[in-house]
Amino acid sequence: MDNSPDKLAIIVGPTASGKTAVSVRLAQLLNAEIISGDSMQVYRGMDIGTAKISAAEMAGVPHHLLDIRSPREGFSVADFRDEAQAAIKQISERGHLPLVVGGTGLYISSLINPYLFPHNTARDDDFRARKLAELQTFGAEYLHGRLAEVDAQAARRIHAKDHYRVIRALEVFEKSGQTISEIQAKSQKTPSPLYQTAICGLMLRRELLYPRIEQRVEQMIDQGLVEEVKRLLAAHVPPNATSMQGLGYRHIAAYLRGICTFTEALAMLKRDTRRFAKRQYTWFKRDARIKWFDVESYMDHGHDPCTETLAREMAAWIKRELSLGH
């Protein structure tokens, strides 16, 4: 009986770096099935703001962990880990290679770093309700200040207006006695006992990445992001739901609720997406296991990269790393 760990390929990188297009071609080259590692694409009816891949773009490659939750439901990193592990097992049993694609660093770490979840840090709705009440009474800066007192590193990383992550970090400390930064640091240093992994990273210097981000935001607006958020609010998805904290959704919801103008919402969305991309880079660069591919070197005169060349070079490296047959 073969007790060797399952093989697992992963593509990471910041938003707008080209992960989706190259992942489909890579999956074709490796006989792989794709597992989404994106925290927002799990939600049904949230397609434009999450840049969710279309059926046509999938080109026949099976995709997993898309559209598996209602926007009214929560979806935690522990939920992702459980769903992804089940998908990896099923894909491996079919004789295919699981390929996780995404930019949510905590989700990726949950698969390859075993000490990410102390048993006593499960969701505590009462604690969250108390913190939300404090937020309403004292404001975001007060709650963020409380986080800075117990976990200065997390406070520097998490914006004061990112209420969900601020409260989650406080919740972890309250229930475990450890800061979320300590837990994540342990995770980064601990090798995975579960999978034999090959992790590819896409990188693109900010002078090229940021214009792509702004172009993507404008494209989302043209495709109907405002109408998509209107439909969610009309379907009684609460503005404070986990799903509505994603980039684009909280910004457009604020505009629709009269909290800011459309111009302000758009400017904040572009700014926050740039900041998010920077945080993604910071997270992934700590992991020495990642083999980085500079997307710019595959571009022709600064335009879209040659997906075929990039995918073939990534496939060759993954095959060597995982000792896959040719």
C-alpha atoms as a PDB file:
ATOM      1  CA  MET A   1       0.000   0.000   0.000  1.00  0.00           C
ATOM      2  CA  ASP A   2       1.365   3.408  -1.003  1.00  0.00           C
ATOM      3  CA  ASN A   3       1.478   5.688   2.035  1.00  0.00           C
ATOM      4  CA  SER A   4       3.372   8.483   0.289  1.00  0.00           C
ATOM      5  CA  PRO A   5       1.740  11.927   0.537  1.00  0.00           C
ATOM      6  CA  ASP A   6      -0.473  13.165  -2.271  1.00  0.00           C
ATOM      7  CA  LYS A   7       1.189  15.456  -4.791  1.00  0.00           C
ATOM      8  CA  LEU A   8      -0.099  19.020  -4.836  1.00  0.00           C
ATOM      9  CA  ALA A   9       0.732  21.903  -7.178  1.00  0.00           C
ATOM     10  CA  ILE A  10      -0.065  25.488  -6.192  1.00  0.00           C
ATOM     11  CA  ILE A  11      -0.060  28.824  -8.010  1.00  0.00           C
ATOM     12  CA  VAL A  12       0.035  31.981  -5.893  1.00  0.00           C
ATOM     13  CA  GLY A  13       0.491  35.642  -6.602  1.00  0.00           C
ATOM     14  CA  PRO A  14      -1.194  39.020  -6.296  1.00  0.00           C
ATOM     15  CA  THR A  15      -4.473  39.947  -7.885  1.00  0.00           C
ATOM     16  CA  ALA A  16      -4.280  40.813 -11.618  1.00  0.00           C
ATOM     17  CA  SER A  17      -0.970  38.977 -12.077  1.00  0.00           C
ATOM     18  CA  GLY A  18      -2.483  36.480 -14.530  1.00  0.00           C
ATOM     19  CA  LYS A  19      -3.053  33.402 -12.359  1.00  0.00           C
ATOM     20  CA  THR A  20      -6.389  32.409 -13.902  1.00  0.00           C
ATOM     21  CA  ALA A  21      -5.318  32.258 -17.549  1.00  0.00           C
ATOM     22  CA  VAL A  22      -2.047  30.444 -16.938  1.00  0.00           C
ATOM     23  CA  SER A  23      -3.632  28.002 -14.484  1.00  0.00           C
ATOM     24  CA  VAL A  24      -6.030  26.627 -17.113  1.00  0.00           C
ATOM     25  CA  ARG A  25      -3.252  25.971 -19.624  1.00  0.00           C
ATOM     26  CA  LEU A  26      -1.054  24.535 -16.871  1.00  0.00           C
ATOM     27  CA  ALA A  27      -3.852  22.185 -15.804  1.00  0.00           C
ATOM     28  CA  GLN A  28      -4.149  20.945 -19.374  1.00  0.00           C
ATOM     29  CA  LEU A  29      -0.405  20.265 -19.541  1.00  0.00           C
ATOM     30  CA  LEU A  30      -0.350  18.445 -16.190  1.00  0.00           C
ATOM     31  CA  ASN A  31      -3.664  16.554 -16.369  1.00  0.00           C
ATOM     32  CA  ALA A  32      -4.750  18.578 -13.350  1.00  0.00           C
ATOM     33  CA  GLU A  33      -7.997  19.746 -11.781  1.00  0.00           C
ATOM     34  CA  ILE A  34      -8.136  23.229 -10.310  1.00  0.00           C
ATOM     35  CA  ILE A  35      -9.141  24.085  -6.739  1.00  0.00           C
ATOM     36  CA  SER A  36      -9.897  27.756  -6.155  1.00  0.00           C
ATOM     37  CA  GLY A  37      -7.871  29.235  -3.307  1.00  0.00           C
ATOM     38  CA  ASP A  38      -9.801  32.500  -3.291  1.00  0.00           C
ATOM     39  CA  SER A  39     -11.775  33.509  -0.219  1.00  0.00           C
ATOM     40  CA  MET A  40     -14.570  35.218  -2.173  1.00  0.00           C
ATOM     41  CA  GLN A  41     -15.142  32.959  -5.162  1.00  0.00           C
ATOM     42  CA  VAL A  42     -16.880  30.411  -2.931  1.00  0.00           C
ATOM     43  CA  TYR A  43     -19.980  32.635  -2.961  1.00  0.00           C
ATOM     44  CA  ARG A  44     -22.791  32.192  -5.466  1.00  0.00           C
ATOM     45  CA  GLY A  45     -23.901  35.281  -7.370  1.00  0.00           C
ATOM     46  CA  MET A  46     -20.634  37.093  -6.706  1.00  0.00           C
ATOM     47  CA  ASP A  47     -18.938  36.777 -10.070  1.00  0.00           C
ATOM     48  CA  ILE A  48     -17.869  40.178 -11.343  1.00  0.00           C
ATOM     49  CA  GLY A  49     -16.228  41.566  -8.205  1.00  0.00           C
ATOM     50  CA  THR A  50     -14.340  38.327  -7.595  1.00  0.00           C
ATOM     51  CA  ALA A  51     -13.139  38.003 -11.221  1.00  0.00           C
ATOM     52  CA  LYS A  52     -14.574  34.496 -11.176  1.00  0.00           C
ATOM     53  CA  ILE A  53     -13.619  32.340 -14.130  1.00  0.00           C
ATOM     54  CA  SER A  54     -16.399  31.685 -16.656  1.00  0.00           C
ATOM     55  CA  ALA A  55     -17.375  28.278 -17.979  1.00  0.00           C
ATOM     56  CA  ALA A  56     -15.898  29.162 -21.366  1.00  0.00           C
ATOM     57  CA  GLU A  57     -12.594  30.222 -19.804  1.00  0.00           C
ATOM     58  CA  MET A  58     -12.358  26.905 -17.950  1.00  0.00           C
ATOM     59  CA  ALA A  59     -11.847  25.208 -21.335  1.00  0.00           C
ATOM     60  CA  GLY A  60     -13.105  21.903 -19.971  1.00  0.00           C
ATOM     61  CA  VAL A  61     -10.771  21.843 -16.965  1.00  0.00           C
ATOM     62  CA  PRO A  62     -12.691  20.827 -13.784  1.00  0.00           C
ATOM     63  CA  HIS A  63     -12.802  23.559 -11.140  1.00  0.00           C
ATOM     64  CA  HIS A  64     -13.627  23.070  -7.462  1.00  0.00           C
ATOM     65  CA  LEU A  65     -14.703  25.304  -4.540  1.00  0.00           C
ATOM     66  CA  LEU A  66     -16.534  27.795  -6.733  1.00  0.00           C
ATOM     67  CA  ASP A  67     -20.138  28.782  -5.888  1.00  0.00           C
ATOM     68  CA  ILE A  68     -20.384  26.484  -2.842  1.00  0.00           C
ATOM     69  CA  ARG A  69     -21.871  28.975  -0.357  1.00  0.00           C
ATOM     70  CA  SER A  70     -24.704  31.457  -0.188  1.00  0.00           C
ATOM     71  CA  PRO A  71     -23.517  35.060   0.303  1.00  0.00           C
ATOM     72  CA  ARG A  72     -25.472  35.037   3.572  1.00  0.00           C
ATOM     73  CA  GLU A  73     -23.271  32.271   4.982  1.00  0.00           C
ATOM     74  CA  GLY A  74     -19.885  32.563   6.615  1.00  0.00           C
ATOM     75  CA  PHE A  75     -16.873  30.775   5.200  1.00  0.00           C
ATOM     76  CA  SER A  76     -13.755  30.523   7.326  1.00  0.00           C
ATOM     77  CA  VAL A  77     -10.216  29.468   6.563  1.00  0.00           C
ATOM     78  CA  ALA A  78     -10.904  26.251   8.481  1.00  0.00           C
ATOM     79  CA  ASP A  79     -13.906  25.624   6.219  1.00  0.00           C
ATOM     80  CA  PHE A  80     -11.676  26.107   3.207  1.00  0.00           C
ATOM     81  CA  ARG A  81      -9.061  23.716   4.539  1.00  0.00           C
ATOM     82  CA  ASP A  82     -11.640  20.986   5.089  1.00  0.00           C
ATOM     83  CA  GLU A  83     -13.270  21.450   1.670  1.00  0.00           C
ATOM     84  CA  ALA A  84      -9.930  21.656  -0.128  1.00  0.00           C
ATOM     85  CA  GLN A  85      -8.503  18.593   1.587  1.00  0.00           C
ATOM     86  CA  ALA A  86     -11.556  16.586   0.531  1.00  0.00           C
ATOM     87  CA  ALA A  87     -11.196  17.831  -3.056  1.00  0.00           C
ATOM     88  CA  ILE A  88      -7.473  17.010  -3.123  1.00  0.00           C
ATOM     89  CA  LYS A  89      -8.189  13.456  -1.987  1.00  0.00           C
ATOM     90  CA  GLN A  90     -10.883  12.936  -4.635  1.00  0.00           C
ATOM     91  CA  ILE A  91      -8.777  14.418  -7.443  1.00  0.00           C
ATOM     92  CA  SER A  92      -5.757  12.306  -6.475  1.00  0.00           C
ATOM     93  CA  GLU A  93      -7.896   9.159  -6.386  1.00  0.00           C
ATOM     94  CA  ARG A  94      -8.973   9.904  -9.968  1.00  0.00           C
ATOM     95  CA  GLY A  95      -5.314   9.899 -10.970  1.00  0.00           C
ATOM     96  CA  HIS A  96      -5.226  13.636 -11.626  1.00  0.00           C
ATOM     97  CA  LEU A  97      -3.033  16.322 -10.085  1.00  0.00           C
ATOM     98  CA  PRO A  98      -4.712  18.780  -7.689  1.00  0.00           C
ATOM     99  CA  LEU A  99      -3.773  22.362  -8.609  1.00  0.00           C
ATOM    100  CA  VAL A 100      -4.684  25.048  -6.074  1.00  0.00           C
ATOM    101  CA  VAL A 101      -4.866  28.552  -7.553  1.00  0.00           C
ATOM    102  CA  GLY A 102      -5.382  31.674  -5.505  1.00  0.00           C
ATOM    103  CA  GLY A 103      -4.086  34.731  -3.744  1.00  0.00           C
ATOM    104  CA  THR A 104      -5.537  34.262  -0.264  1.00  0.00           C
ATOM    105  CA  GLY A 105      -2.369  33.546   1.704  1.00  0.00           C
ATOM    106  CA  LEU A 106      -4.091  32.247   4.802  1.00  0.00           C
ATOM    107  CA  TYR A 107      -6.031  29.719   2.723  1.00  0.00           C
ATOM    108  CA  ILE A 108      -2.871  28.395   1.075  1.00  0.00           C
ATOM    109  CA  SER A 109      -1.103  28.164   4.428  1.00  0.00           C
ATOM    110  CA  SER A 110      -4.001  26.210   5.880  1.00  0.00           C
ATOM    111  CA  LEU A 111      -3.230  23.402   3.433  1.00  0.00           C
ATOM    112  CA  ILE A 112       0.536  23.228   3.669  1.00  0.00           C
ATOM    113  CA  ASN A 113       1.199  24.306   7.252  1.00  0.00           C
ATOM    114  CA  PRO A 114      -0.326  22.017   9.874  1.00  0.00           C
ATOM    115  CA  TYR A 115      -0.241  24.212  12.984  1.00  0.00           C
ATOM    116  CA  LEU A 116      -2.392  27.021  11.715  1.00  0.00           C
ATOM    117  CA  PHE A 117      -5.497  26.167  13.744  1.00  0.00           C
ATOM    118  CA  PRO A 118      -5.297  25.615  17.498  1.00  0.00           C
ATOM    119  CA  HIS A 119      -8.360  23.633  18.524  1.00  0.00           C
ATOM    120  CA  ASN A 120      -9.659  26.430  20.746  1.00  0.00           C
ATOM    121  CA  THR A 121      -9.892  29.178  18.108  1.00  0.00           C
ATOM    122  CA  ALA A 122     -13.199  28.171  16.572  1.00  0.00           C
ATOM    123  CA  ARG A 123     -15.714  30.875  15.697  1.00  0.00           C
ATOM    124  CA  ASP A 124     -17.333  32.465  18.750  1.00  0.00           C
ATOM    125  CA  ASP A 125     -20.485  34.314  17.701  1.00  0.00           C
ATOM    126  CA  ASP A 126     -21.038  35.838  21.154  1.00  0.00           C
ATOM    127  CA  PHE A 127     -17.536  37.313  21.175  1.00  0.00           C
ATOM    128  CA  ARG A 128     -18.034  38.697  17.682  1.00  0.00           C
ATOM    129  CA  ALA A 129     -21.351  40.247  18.627  1.00  0.00           C
ATOM    130  CA  ARG A 130     -19.718  42.013  21.588  1.00  0.00           C
ATOM    131  CA  LYS A 131     -16.939  43.367  19.395  1.00  0.00           C
ATOM    132  CA  LEU A 132     -19.404  44.547  16.763  1.00  0.00           C
ATOM    133  CA  ALA A 133     -21.272  46.383  19.499  1.00  0.00           C
ATOM    134  CA  GLU A 134     -17.997  48.019  20.584  1.00  0.00           C
ATOM    135  CA  LEU A 135     -17.362  48.949  16.975  1.00  0.00           C
ATOM    136  CA  GLN A 136     -20.745  50.658  16.720  1.00  0.00           C
ATOM    137  CA  THR A 137     -20.272  52.454  20.041  1.00  0.00           C
ATOM    138  CA  PHE A 138     -16.614  53.462  19.998  1.00  0.00           C
ATOM    139  CA  GLY A 139     -15.585  53.265  16.343  1.00  0.00           C
ATOM    140  CA  ALA A 140     -13.075  51.401  14.199  1.00  0.00           C
ATOM    141  CA  GLU A 141      -9.990  53.117  15.598  1.00  0.00           C
ATOM    142  CA  TYR A 142     -10.873  52.005  19.124  1.00  0.00           C
ATOM    143  CA  LEU A 143     -11.168  48.358  18.090  1.00  0.00           C
ATOM    144  CA  HIS A 144      -7.980  48.575  16.051  1.00  0.00           C
ATOM    145  CA  GLY A 145      -6.240  50.085  19.080  1.00  0.00           C
ATOM    146  CA  ARG A 146      -7.263  47.096  21.155  1.00  0.00           C
ATOM    147  CA  LEU A 147      -5.668  44.837  18.568  1.00  0.00           C
ATOM    148  CA  ALA A 148      -2.480  46.930  18.594  1.00  0.00           C
ATOM    149  CA  GLU A 149      -2.242  46.378  22.361  1.00  0.00           C
ATOM    150  CA  VAL A 150      -2.163  42.590  22.054  1.00  0.00           C
ATOM    151  CA  ASP A 151      -0.725  42.047  18.554  1.00  0.00           C
ATOM    152  CA  ALA A 152       1.118  45.051  17.148  1.00  0.00           C
ATOM    153  CA  GLN A 153       2.290  43.075  14.122  1.00  0.00           C
ATOM    154  CA  ALA A 154      -1.264  42.169  13.103  1.00  0.00           C
ATOM    155  CA  ALA A 155      -2.396  45.749  13.699  1.00  0.00           C
ATOM    156  CA  ARG A 156       0.247  47.000  11.262  1.00  0.00           C
ATOM    157  CA  ARG A 157      -0.893  44.468   8.685  1.00  0.00           C
ATOM    158  CA  ILE A 158      -4.684  44.843   9.080  1.00  0.00           C
ATOM    159  CA  HIS A 159      -6.359  48.127   8.202  1.00  0.00           C
ATOM    160  CA  ALA A 160      -8.569  49.642  10.900  1.00  0.00           C
ATOM    161  CA  LYS A 161     -11.569  49.517   8.548  1.00  0.00           C
ATOM    162  CA  ASP A 162     -11.124  45.802   7.897  1.00  0.00           C
ATOM    163  CA  HIS A 163     -13.527  45.010  10.728  1.00  0.00           C
ATOM    164  CA  TYR A 164     -13.787  41.289  10.026  1.00  0.00           C
ATOM    165  CA  ARG A 165     -10.048  40.625  10.234  1.00  0.00           C
ATOM    166  CA  VAL A 166      -9.565  42.908  13.252  1.00  0.00           C
ATOM    167  CA  ILE A 167     -12.279  41.055  15.177  1.00  0.00           C
ATOM    168  CA  ARG A 168     -10.983  37.658  14.064  1.00  0.00           C
ATOM    169  CA  ALA A 169      -7.476  38.504  15.299  1.00  0.00           C
ATOM    170  CA  LEU A 170      -8.890  39.604  18.655  1.00  0.00           C
ATOM    171  CA  GLU A 171     -11.002  36.439  18.780  1.00  0.00           C
ATOM    172  CA  VAL A 172      -7.973  34.184  18.230  1.00  0.00           C
ATOM    173  CA  PHE A 173      -6.063  35.888  21.039  1.00  0.00           C
ATOM    174  CA  GLU A 174      -9.042  35.773  23.395  1.00  0.00           C
ATOM    175  CA  LYS A 175      -9.633  32.060  22.881  1.00  0.00           C
ATOM    176  CA  SER A 176      -6.098  30.700  22.494  1.00  0.00           C
ATOM    177  CA  GLY A 177      -3.836  33.059  24.415  1.00  0.00           C
ATOM    178  CA  GLN A 178      -1.694  33.264  21.274  1.00  0.00           C
ATOM    179  CA  THR A 179      -1.672  36.097  18.788  1.00  0.00           C
ATOM    180  CA  ILE A 180      -2.681  35.335  15.244  1.00  0.00           C
ATOM    181  CA  SER A 181       0.754  36.595  14.149  1.00  0.00           C
ATOM    182  CA  GLU A 182       2.462  33.986  16.344  1.00  0.00           C
ATOM    183  CA  ILE A 183       0.285  31.220  14.914  1.00  0.00           C
ATOM    184  CA  GLN A 184       0.953  32.306  11.348  1.00  0.00           C
ATOM    185  CA  ALA A 185       4.702  32.556  11.964  1.00  0.00           C
ATOM    186  CA  LYS A 186       4.762  28.973  13.234  1.00  0.00           C
ATOM    187  CA  SER A 187       2.826  27.903  10.171  1.00  0.00           C
ATOM    188  CA  GLN A 188       5.354  29.463   7.822  1.00  0.00           C
ATOM    189  CA  LYS A 189       8.226  27.574   9.454  1.00  0.00           C
ATOM    190  CA  THR A 190       6.636  24.149   9.687  1.00  0.00           C
ATOM    191  CA  PRO A 191       6.981  21.734   6.768  1.00  0.00           C
ATOM    192  CA  SER A 192       3.823  20.019   5.625  1.00  0.00           C
ATOM    193  CA  PRO A 193       3.365  16.359   6.519  1.00  0.00           C
ATOM    194  CA  LEU A 194       0.293  16.048   4.301  1.00  0.00           C
ATOM    195  CA  TYR A 195       1.362  16.800   0.743  1.00  0.00           C
ATOM    196  CA  GLN A 196       4.347  16.771  -1.547  1.00  0.00           C
ATOM    197  CA  THR A 197       4.067  20.292  -2.857  1.00  0.00           C
ATOM    198  CA  ALA A 198       5.361  22.380  -5.736  1.00  0.00           C
ATOM    199  CA  ILE A 199       4.468  26.051  -5.348  1.00  0.00           C
ATOM    200  CA  CYS A 200       4.763  28.513  -8.241  1.00  0.00           C
ATOM    201  CA  GLY A 201       4.500  32.256  -7.670  1.00  0.00           C
ATOM    202  CA  LEU A 202       3.699  34.927 -10.254  1.00  0.00           C
ATOM    203  CA  MET A 203       5.374  38.264  -9.695  1.00  0.00           C
ATOM    204  CA  LEU A 204       5.092  41.540 -11.564  1.00  0.00           C
ATOM    205  CA  ARG A 205       6.720  44.837 -10.629  1.00  0.00           C
ATOM    206  CA  ARG A 206       4.275  47.411  -9.347  1.00  0.00           C
ATOM    207  CA  GLU A 207       4.773  49.781 -12.301  1.00  0.00           C
ATOM    208  CA  LEU A 208       3.139  47.103 -14.447  1.00  0.00           C
ATOM    209  CA  LEU A 209       0.852  45.487 -11.871  1.00  0.00           C
ATOM    210  CA  TYR A 210      -0.903  48.628 -10.642  1.00  0.00           C
ATOM    211  CA  PRO A 211      -2.142  49.745 -14.097  1.00  0.00           C
ATOM    212  CA  ARG A 212      -3.469  46.201 -14.610  1.00  0.00           C
ATOM    213  CA  ILE A 213      -5.304  46.460 -11.281  1.00  0.00           C
ATOM    214  CA  GLU A 214      -6.874  49.782 -12.236  1.00  0.00           C
ATOM    215  CA  GLN A 215      -7.851  48.413 -15.647  1.00  0.00           C
ATOM    216  CA  ARG A 216      -9.455  45.383 -13.988  1.00  0.00           C
ATOM    217  CA  VAL A 217     -11.471  47.598 -11.632  1.00  0.00           C
ATOM    218  CA  GLU A 218     -12.727  49.694 -14.551  1.00  0.00           C
ATOM    219  CA  GLN A 219     -13.618  46.510 -16.414  1.00  0.00           C
ATOM    220  CA  MET A 220     -15.604  45.233 -13.428  1.00  0.00           C
ATOM    221  CA  ILE A 221     -17.612  48.445 -13.393  1.00  0.00           C
ATOM    222  CA  ASP A 222     -18.270  48.120 -17.126  1.00  0.00           C
ATOM    223  CA  GLN A 223     -19.354  44.497 -16.651  1.00  0.00           C
ATOM    224  CA  GLY A 224     -21.952  45.510 -14.050  1.00  0.00           C
ATOM    225  CA  LEU A 225     -20.388  45.399 -10.591  1.00  0.00           C
ATOM    226  CA  VAL A 226     -22.791  48.057  -9.293  1.00  0.00           C
ATOM    227  CA  GLU A 227     -25.783  46.036 -10.492  1.00  0.00           C
ATOM    228  CA  GLU A 228     -24.325  42.867  -8.961  1.00  0.00           C
ATOM    229  CA  VAL A 229     -24.032  44.515  -5.540  1.00  0.00           C
ATOM    230  CA  LYS A 230     -27.552  45.964  -5.908  1.00  0.00           C
ATOM    231  CA  ARG A 231     -28.893  42.437  -6.466  1.00  0.00           C
ATOM    232  CA  LEU A 232     -27.106  41.144  -3.366  1.00  0.00           C
ATOM    233  CA  LEU A 233     -28.475  43.934  -1.173  1.00  0.00           C
ATOM    234  CA  ALA A 234     -31.950  43.466  -2.674  1.00  0.00           C
ATOM    235  CA  ALA A 235     -31.680  39.756  -1.766  1.00  0.00           C
ATOM    236  CA  HIS A 236     -31.154  40.870   1.857  1.00  0.00           C
ATOM    237  CA  VAL A 237     -27.491  39.916   2.092  1.00  0.00           C
ATOM    238  CA  PRO A 238     -26.428  41.952   5.159  1.00  0.00           C
ATOM    239  CA  PRO A 239     -23.818  44.661   4.460  1.00  0.00           C
ATOM    240  CA  ASN A 240     -21.777  43.263   7.379  1.00  0.00           C
ATOM    241  CA  ALA A 241     -21.835  39.682   6.018  1.00  0.00           C
ATOM    242  CA  THR A 242     -18.428  38.074   5.426  1.00  0.00           C
ATOM    243  CA  SER A 243     -19.115  37.979   1.700  1.00  0.00           C
ATOM    244  CA  MET A 244     -19.762  41.719   1.573  1.00  0.00           C
ATOM    245  CA  GLN A 245     -16.392  42.582   3.117  1.00  0.00           C
ATOM    246  CA  GLY A 246     -14.582  41.616  -0.083  1.00  0.00           C
ATOM    247  CA  LEU A 247     -12.885  44.134  -2.324  1.00  0.00           C
ATOM    248  CA  GLY A 248     -15.434  45.893  -4.478  1.00  0.00           C
ATOM    249  CA  TYR A 249     -18.464  44.717  -2.571  1.00  0.00           C
ATOM    250  CA  ARG A 250     -17.964  46.810   0.547  1.00  0.00           C
ATOM    251  CA  HIS A 251     -16.981  49.825  -1.560  1.00  0.00           C
ATOM    252  CA  ILE A 252     -19.945  49.688  -3.912  1.00  0.00           C
ATOM    253  CA  ALA A 253     -22.303  48.853  -1.026  1.00  0.00           C
ATOM    254  CA  ALA A 254     -21.092  51.998   0.755  1.00  0.00           C
ATOM    255  CA  TYR A 255     -21.893  54.029  -2.369  1.00  0.00           C
ATOM    256  CA  LEU A 256     -25.337  52.451  -2.754  1.00  0.00           C
ATOM    257  CA  ARG A 257     -26.125  53.124   0.900  1.00  0.00           C
ATOM    258  CA  GLY A 258     -25.206  56.809   0.509  1.00  0.00           C
ATOM    259  CA  ILE A 259     -22.073  56.642   2.651  1.00  0.00           C
ATOM    260  CA  CYS A 260     -19.853  57.944  -0.153  1.00  0.00           C
ATOM    261  CA  THR A 261     -20.079  59.081  -3.752  1.00  0.00           C
ATOM    262  CA  PHE A 262     -19.442  56.758  -6.682  1.00  0.00           C
ATOM    263  CA  THR A 263     -16.212  58.599  -7.492  1.00  0.00           C
ATOM    264  CA  GLU A 264     -15.020  58.144  -3.906  1.00  0.00           C
ATOM    265  CA  ALA A 265     -15.988  54.470  -3.909  1.00  0.00           C
ATOM    266  CA  LEU A 266     -14.104  53.851  -7.146  1.00  0.00           C
ATOM    267  CA  ALA A 267     -10.980  55.655  -5.911  1.00  0.00           C
ATOM    268  CA  MET A 268     -11.026  53.727  -2.630  1.00  0.00           C
ATOM    269  CA  LEU A 269     -11.529  50.431  -4.445  1.00  0.00           C
ATOM    270  CA  LYS A 270      -8.496  51.030  -6.659  1.00  0.00           C
ATOM    271  CA  ARG A 271      -6.401  52.145  -3.684  1.00  0.00           C
ATOM    272  CA  ASP A 272      -7.424  49.215  -1.505  1.00  0.00           C
ATOM    273  CA  THR A 273      -6.837  46.708  -4.310  1.00  0.00           C
ATOM    274  CA  ARG A 274      -3.305  48.056  -4.771  1.00  0.00           C
ATOM    275  CA  ARG A 275      -2.727  47.744  -1.035  1.00  0.00           C
ATOM    276  CA  PHE A 276      -4.134  44.226  -1.064  1.00  0.00           C
ATOM    277  CA  ALA A 277      -1.720  43.216  -3.835  1.00  0.00           C
ATOM    278  CA  LYS A 278       1.173  44.599  -1.793  1.00  0.00           C
ATOM    279  CA  ARG A 279       0.063  42.567   1.250  1.00  0.00           C
ATOM    280  CA  GLN A 280      -0.183  39.453  -0.920  1.00  0.00           C
ATOM    281  CA  TYR A 281       3.413  39.905  -2.054  1.00  0.00           C
ATOM    282  CA  THR A 282       4.564  40.452   1.526  1.00  0.00           C
ATOM    283  CA  TRP A 283       2.819  37.291   2.686  1.00  0.00           C
ATOM    284  CA  PHE A 284       4.085  34.975  -0.043  1.00  0.00           C
ATOM    285  CA  LYS A 285       7.644  36.293  -0.157  1.00  0.00           C
ATOM    286  CA  ARG A 286       8.219  34.855   3.323  1.00  0.00           C
ATOM    287  CA  ASP A 287       7.860  31.315   1.986  1.00  0.00           C
ATOM    288  CA  ALA A 288      11.171  30.008   0.621  1.00  0.00           C
ATOM    289  CA  ARG A 289       9.406  27.046  -1.008  1.00  0.00           C
ATOM    290  CA  ILE A 290       7.910  29.213  -3.739  1.00  0.00           C
ATOM    291  CA  LYS A 291       9.495  29.202  -7.188  1.00  0.00           C
ATOM    292  CA  TRP A 292       8.910  32.681  -8.589  1.00  0.00           C
ATOM    293  CA  PHE A 293       8.180  33.416 -12.245  1.00  0.00           C
ATOM    294  CA  ASP A 294       8.553  37.033 -13.361  1.00  0.00           C
ATOM    295  CA  VAL A 295       5.548  37.654 -15.605  1.00  0.00           C
ATOM    296  CA  GLU A 296       7.240  40.633 -17.256  1.00  0.00           C
ATOM    297  CA  SER A 297       9.861  38.382 -18.846  1.00  0.00           C
ATOM    298  CA  TYR A 298       7.050  36.596 -20.721  1.00  0.00           C
ATOM    299  CA  MET A 299       5.474  39.808 -22.033  1.00  0.00           C
ATOM    300  CA  ASP A 300       5.758  41.126 -25.557  1.00  0.00           C
ATOM    301  CA  HIS A 301       6.323  44.892 -25.453  1.00  0.00           C
ATOM    302  CA  GLY A 302       4.658  45.270 -22.056  1.00  0.00           C
ATOM    303  CA  HIS A 303       1.341  43.689 -22.989  1.00  0.00           C
ATOM    304  CA  ASP A 304      -0.306  40.474 -21.810  1.00  0.00           C
ATOM    305  CA  PRO A 305       2.167  37.650 -21.160  1.00  0.00           C
ATOM    306  CA  CYS A 306       2.573  34.677 -23.449  1.00  0.00           C
ATOM    307  CA  THR A 307       0.492  32.191 -21.495  1.00  0.00           C
ATOM    308  CA  GLU A 308       1.736  29.194 -23.467  1.00  0.00           C
ATOM    309  CA  THR A 309       5.435  29.813 -22.800  1.00  0.00           C
ATOM    310  CA  LEU A 310       4.863  30.634 -19.135  1.00  0.00           C
ATOM    311  CA  ALA A 311       2.639  27.600 -18.573  1.00  0.00           C
ATOM    312  CA  ARG A 312       5.111  25.230 -20.235  1.00  0.00           C
ATOM    313  CA  GLU A 313       8.018  26.470 -18.121  1.00  0.00           C
ATOM    314  CA  MET A 314       5.932  26.200 -14.947  1.00  0.00           C
ATOM    315  CA  ALA A 315       4.812  22.704 -15.956  1.00  0.00           C
ATOM    316  CA  ALA A 316       8.397  21.587 -16.522  1.00  0.00           C
ATOM    317  CA  TRP A 317       9.435  22.824 -13.073  1.00  0.00           C
ATOM    318  CA  ILE A 318       6.429  21.217 -11.347  1.00  0.00           C
ATOM    319  CA  LYS A 319       7.108  17.892 -13.067  1.00  0.00           C
ATOM    320  CA  ARG A 320      10.671  17.927 -11.775  1.00  0.00           C
ATOM    321  CA  GLU A 321       9.637  18.932  -8.259  1.00  0.00           C
ATOM    322  CA  LEU A 322       6.923  16.296  -7.981  1.00  0.00           C
ATOM    323  CA  SER A 323       8.694  13.595 -10.035  1.00  0.00           C
ATOM    324  CA  LEU A 324       5.761  13.384 -12.408  1.00  0.00           C
ATOM    325  CA  GLY A 325       5.921  11.188 -15.479  1.00  0.00           C
ATOM    326  CA  HIS A 326       6.473  12.875 -18.819  1.00  0.00           C
END
